[in-house]
Amino acid sequence: MKKPLKSTAGIPAAQLIDENIAEYPDWRGDTLATLRRLIKEADPEVVEEWKWNIPVWSHDGIICTGETYKAAVKTTFAKGASLADPEGLFNSSLEGATRRAIDFREGDAINEAAFKALIRAAVDLNTASKSKKA
């Protein structure tokens, strides 16, 4: 069962994400913290946000979200269907026309280089989309 929405008005997103990670003192918190670190390494200009009671990382639009479930930590890429995935990281939400996700389960190794490449590709796609609208 999802935890109830809490009032987050005035609380910085980074703090809310820190608190979210701390709520899971097991592999899920460790995994979410690692994914957050990789996202920041891949895009030092990333903006951390808190929407829909979950962490959201953006750069000229949403890159991905981080959701924590009992059996997985899921990163959903907003425009994942438009991204090349040569390493085959996407393993969830594959039927959708727009989004793609990666479910990380306990004990899964994270292909850090491939994950960071997906983040950079998502940023490039968002930036290109923003340039076309301008």
Protein backbone atom coordinates (compact mmCIF):
# COMPACT_ATOMS: atom_id res chain seq x y z
CA MET A 1 0.00 0.00 0.00
CA LYS A 2 1.29 3.45 -0.92
CA LYS A 3 2.02 5.77 1.96
CA PRO A 4 -0.43 8.65 2.38
CA LEU A 5 0.41 12.01 0.86
CA LYS A 6 2.09 14.32 3.31
CA SER A 7 2.13 18.08 3.32
CA THR A 8 5.32 19.17 1.57
CA ALA A 9 4.66 22.89 1.19
CA GLY A 10 7.83 24.90 1.68
CA ILE A 11 10.09 21.87 2.10
CA PRO A 12 12.96 21.74 -0.43
CA ALA A 13 12.76 18.79 -2.84
CA ALA A 14 16.30 17.67 -1.94
CA GLN A 15 15.25 17.34 1.71
CA LEU A 16 12.12 15.40 0.78
CA ILE A 17 14.21 13.03 -1.34
CA ASP A 18 16.69 12.61 1.54
CA GLU A 19 13.76 11.75 3.83
CA ASN A 20 12.31 9.36 1.25
CA ILE A 21 15.62 7.49 1.01
CA ALA A 22 15.86 7.36 4.82
CA GLU A 23 12.39 5.78 5.02
CA TYR A 24 13.92 2.64 3.49
CA PRO A 25 16.89 1.52 5.61
CA ASP A 26 17.34 -1.56 3.42
CA TRP A 27 18.42 -2.26 -0.17
CA ARG A 28 15.66 0.00 -1.53
CA GLY A 29 17.03 3.11 0.15
CA ASP A 30 20.56 2.18 -0.96
CA THR A 31 19.36 1.64 -4.53
CA LEU A 32 17.45 4.92 -4.67
CA ALA A 33 20.47 6.77 -3.24
CA THR A 34 22.74 5.19 -5.85
CA LEU A 35 20.37 6.09 -8.68
CA ARG A 36 20.18 9.66 -7.40
CA ARG A 37 23.99 9.89 -7.33
CA LEU A 38 24.23 8.54 -10.88
CA ILE A 39 21.61 10.99 -12.15
CA LYS A 40 23.51 13.91 -10.61
CA GLU A 41 26.80 12.64 -12.03
CA ALA A 42 25.29 12.24 -15.50
CA ASP A 43 23.70 15.70 -15.39
CA PRO A 44 25.22 18.14 -12.88
CA GLU A 45 22.50 20.66 -13.85
CA VAL A 46 19.64 18.31 -12.97
CA VAL A 47 16.78 19.81 -10.97
CA GLU A 48 15.37 17.72 -8.14
CA GLU A 49 11.64 18.03 -7.65
CA TRP A 50 8.98 16.39 -5.51
CA LYS A 51 5.76 15.60 -7.42
CA TRP A 52 3.08 12.98 -6.92
CA ASN A 53 4.73 12.13 -3.57
CA ILE A 54 7.86 10.79 -5.34
CA PRO A 55 11.28 12.10 -6.40
CA VAL A 56 11.42 13.62 -9.88
CA TRP A 57 14.55 14.66 -11.77
CA SER A 58 14.20 17.27 -14.52
CA HIS A 59 16.23 19.21 -17.04
CA ASP A 60 14.15 21.15 -19.59
CA GLY A 61 11.36 18.71 -18.70
CA ILE A 62 11.08 15.53 -16.69
CA ILE A 63 13.93 13.06 -17.11
CA CYS A 64 12.71 10.36 -14.76
CA THR A 65 11.01 9.58 -11.47
CA GLY A 66 12.08 7.31 -8.62
CA GLU A 67 9.42 5.13 -7.04
CA THR A 68 9.99 2.70 -4.20
CA TYR A 69 7.90 -0.47 -3.96
CA LYS A 70 8.12 -3.59 -1.83
CA ALA A 71 9.93 -5.62 -4.49
CA ALA A 72 11.54 -2.94 -6.67
CA VAL A 73 12.83 0.56 -7.06
CA LYS A 74 11.43 1.85 -10.35
CA THR A 75 12.83 4.66 -12.46
CA THR A 76 10.30 5.77 -15.04
CA PHE A 77 11.68 7.80 -17.95
CA ALA A 78 9.07 10.28 -19.16
CA LYS A 79 10.11 9.95 -22.82
CA GLY A 80 11.75 6.54 -22.54
CA ALA A 81 10.12 5.13 -25.69
CA SER A 82 12.06 7.75 -27.69
CA LEU A 83 15.44 6.81 -26.18
CA ALA A 84 17.90 4.31 -27.59
CA ASP A 85 18.58 1.58 -25.03
CA PRO A 86 21.51 -0.40 -26.46
CA GLU A 87 22.20 -2.14 -23.14
CA GLY A 88 18.57 -3.20 -22.69
CA LEU A 89 18.05 -1.54 -19.31
CA PHE A 90 14.34 -0.89 -19.81
CA ASN A 91 12.46 -3.86 -18.36
CA SER A 92 9.10 -2.38 -17.37
CA SER A 93 6.29 -0.33 -18.96
CA LEU A 94 7.48 -1.54 -22.35
CA GLU A 95 4.00 -1.50 -23.88
CA GLY A 96 3.53 2.25 -23.46
CA ALA A 97 3.82 4.69 -26.33
CA THR A 98 5.81 7.26 -24.36
CA ARG A 99 7.27 6.05 -21.05
CA ARG A 100 9.71 3.27 -20.27
CA ALA A 101 10.90 2.13 -16.86
CA ILE A 102 13.63 0.15 -15.18
CA ASP A 103 12.74 -2.01 -12.19
CA PHE A 104 15.71 -2.59 -9.91
CA ARG A 105 15.18 -5.57 -7.62
CA GLU A 106 17.11 -6.63 -4.54
CA GLY A 107 20.54 -7.89 -5.56
CA ASP A 108 20.42 -6.42 -9.08
CA ALA A 109 23.67 -4.92 -10.27
CA ILE A 110 23.30 -1.44 -11.72
CA ASN A 111 25.05 -0.90 -15.04
CA GLU A 112 26.19 2.57 -14.04
CA ALA A 113 27.65 3.57 -17.40
CA ALA A 114 24.53 2.52 -19.31
CA PHE A 115 22.20 4.19 -16.77
CA LYS A 116 24.14 7.46 -16.98
CA ALA A 117 24.06 7.25 -20.79
CA LEU A 118 20.24 6.97 -20.63
CA ILE A 119 20.08 10.01 -18.36
CA ARG A 120 22.25 12.03 -20.74
CA ALA A 121 20.14 10.89 -23.72
CA ALA A 122 16.95 11.94 -21.90
CA VAL A 123 18.46 15.37 -21.16
CA ASP A 124 19.52 15.74 -24.81
CA LEU A 125 16.00 14.83 -25.96
CA ASN A 126 14.40 17.32 -23.56
CA THR A 127 16.82 20.07 -24.57
CA ALA A 128 16.24 19.41 -28.28
CA SER A 129 12.46 19.44 -27.75
CA LYS A 130 12.68 22.75 -25.87
CA SER A 131 14.83 24.29 -28.62
CA LYS A 132 12.23 23.36 -31.27
CA LYS A 133 9.47 25.06 -29.25
CA ALA A 134 11.46 28.26 -28.72
